[in-house]
C-alpha atoms as a PDB file:
ATOM      1  CA  MET A   1      84.725-189.722  35.086  1.00  0.00           C
ATOM      2  CA  THR A   2      84.312-191.270  31.383  1.00  0.00           C
ATOM      3  CA  ASN A   3      80.980-191.789  29.853  1.00  0.00           C
ATOM      4  CA  THR A   4      81.298-195.501  30.693  1.00  0.00           C
ATOM      5  CA  GLU A   5      82.446-194.663  34.523  1.00  0.00           C
ATOM      6  CA  LEU A   6      78.709-191.874  34.653  1.00  0.00           C
ATOM      7  CA  LEU A   7      76.534-194.392  33.243  1.00  0.00           C
ATOM      8  CA  ASN A   8      77.171-196.749  35.410  1.00  0.00           C
ATOM      9  CA  ARG A   9      77.219-194.387  38.689  1.00  0.00           C
ATOM     10  CA  ALA A  10      73.652-193.550  36.546  1.00  0.00           C
ATOM     11  CA  ASP A  11      72.147-196.771  37.260  1.00  0.00           C
ATOM     12  CA  VAL A  12      73.831-197.395  40.956  1.00  0.00           C
ATOM     13  CA  LEU A  13      71.481-194.220  41.532  1.00  0.00           C
ATOM     14  CA  ARG A  14      68.704-195.202  39.426  1.00  0.00           C
ATOM     15  CA  HIS A  15      68.783-198.984  41.633  1.00  0.00           C
ATOM     16  CA  GLY A  16      69.347-197.442  45.218  1.00  0.00           C
ATOM     17  CA  ARG A  17      66.021-194.953  44.131  1.00  0.00           C
ATOM     18  CA  THR A  18      68.240-192.185  44.365  1.00  0.00           C
ATOM     19  CA  PRO A  19      67.310-188.784  41.964  1.00  0.00           C
ATOM     20  CA  PHE A  20      69.415-187.529  39.414  1.00  0.00           C
ATOM     21  CA  VAL A  21      70.209-185.210  36.610  1.00  0.00           C
ATOM     22  CA  LEU A  22      71.841-186.364  33.750  1.00  0.00           C
ATOM     23  CA  ALA A  23      73.679-182.879  32.250  1.00  0.00           C
ATOM     24  CA  THR A  24      74.670-183.024  29.079  1.00  0.00           C
ATOM     25  CA  VAL A  25      76.538-180.163  26.984  1.00  0.00           C
ATOM     26  CA  VAL A  26      75.132-179.292  23.530  1.00  0.00           C
ATOM     27  CA  HIS A  27      76.982-176.309  22.933  1.00  0.00           C
ATOM     28  CA  VAL A  28      80.287-174.166  23.558  1.00  0.00           C
ATOM     29  CA  GLU A  29      81.259-170.841  23.530  1.00  0.00           C
ATOM     30  CA  ARG A  30      84.749-169.533  24.307  1.00  0.00           C
ATOM     31  CA  PRO A  31      86.148-169.025  25.630  1.00  0.00           C
ATOM     32  CA  THR A  32      85.290-172.719  28.063  1.00  0.00           C
ATOM     33  CA  SER A  33      87.251-175.924  28.669  1.00  0.00           C
ATOM     34  CA  ALA A  34      84.279-177.712  27.895  1.00  0.00           C
ATOM     35  CA  ARG A  35      83.241-179.283  24.381  1.00  0.00           C
ATOM     36  CA  PRO A  36      80.064-180.838  23.959  1.00  0.00           C
ATOM     37  CA  GLY A  37      79.644-184.293  24.932  1.00  0.00           C
ATOM     38  CA  ASP A  38      80.802-183.751  28.679  1.00  0.00           C
ATOM     39  CA  SER A  39      78.514-184.979  30.884  1.00  0.00           C
ATOM     40  CA  ALA A  40      77.828-185.019  34.241  1.00  0.00           C
ATOM     41  CA  LEU A  41      75.783-186.143  37.205  1.00  0.00           C
ATOM     42  CA  VAL A  42      73.914-183.270  39.330  1.00  0.00           C
ATOM     43  CA  LEU A  43      72.724-184.941  42.997  1.00  0.00           C
ATOM     44  CA  PRO A  44      70.045-183.748  44.669  1.00  0.00           C
ATOM     45  CA  ASP A  45      72.010-182.129  47.162  1.00  0.00           C
ATOM     46  CA  GLY A  46      73.903-179.933  44.654  1.00  0.00           C
ATOM     47  CA  THR A  47      76.571-182.487  43.911  1.00  0.00           C
ATOM     48  CA  VAL A  48      77.768-182.471  40.352  1.00  0.00           C
ATOM     49  CA  GLU A  49      80.401-185.617  39.222  1.00  0.00           C
ATOM     50  CA  GLY A  50      81.115-185.909  35.977  1.00  0.00           C
ATOM     51  CA  PHE A  51      82.387-182.327  33.785  1.00  0.00           C
ATOM     52  CA  VAL A  52      80.070-179.573  32.256  1.00  0.00           C
ATOM     53  CA  GLY A  53      82.739-177.314  32.499  1.00  0.00           C
ATOM     54  CA  GLY A  54      83.906-174.962  35.131  1.00  0.00           C
ATOM     55  CA  THR A  55      82.920-173.279  38.422  1.00  0.00           C
ATOM     56  CA  CYS A  56      81.127-170.432  36.501  1.00  0.00           C
ATOM     57  CA  ALA A  57      79.066-173.620  34.676  1.00  0.00           C
ATOM     58  CA  GLU A  58      78.079-175.476  37.154  1.00  0.00           C
ATOM     59  CA  THR A  59      76.171-172.934  38.864  1.00  0.00           C
ATOM     60  CA  THR A  60      74.977-172.538  35.302  1.00  0.00           C
ATOM     61  CA  VAL A  61      73.879-176.125  35.995  1.00  0.00           C
END
């Protein structure tokens, strides 16, 4: 999901009054597949849309 797609999705959620969190990677330590600037939306049910790292990182977010 590109940043543009992610922000468009955030707009849809905001207009639908659906709560969400925008999580953005600011620092990484190797080994990791994430890079600073990677982002994801976290929805109330725990669904993560976007990318902030692998499965291990998603539970932290």
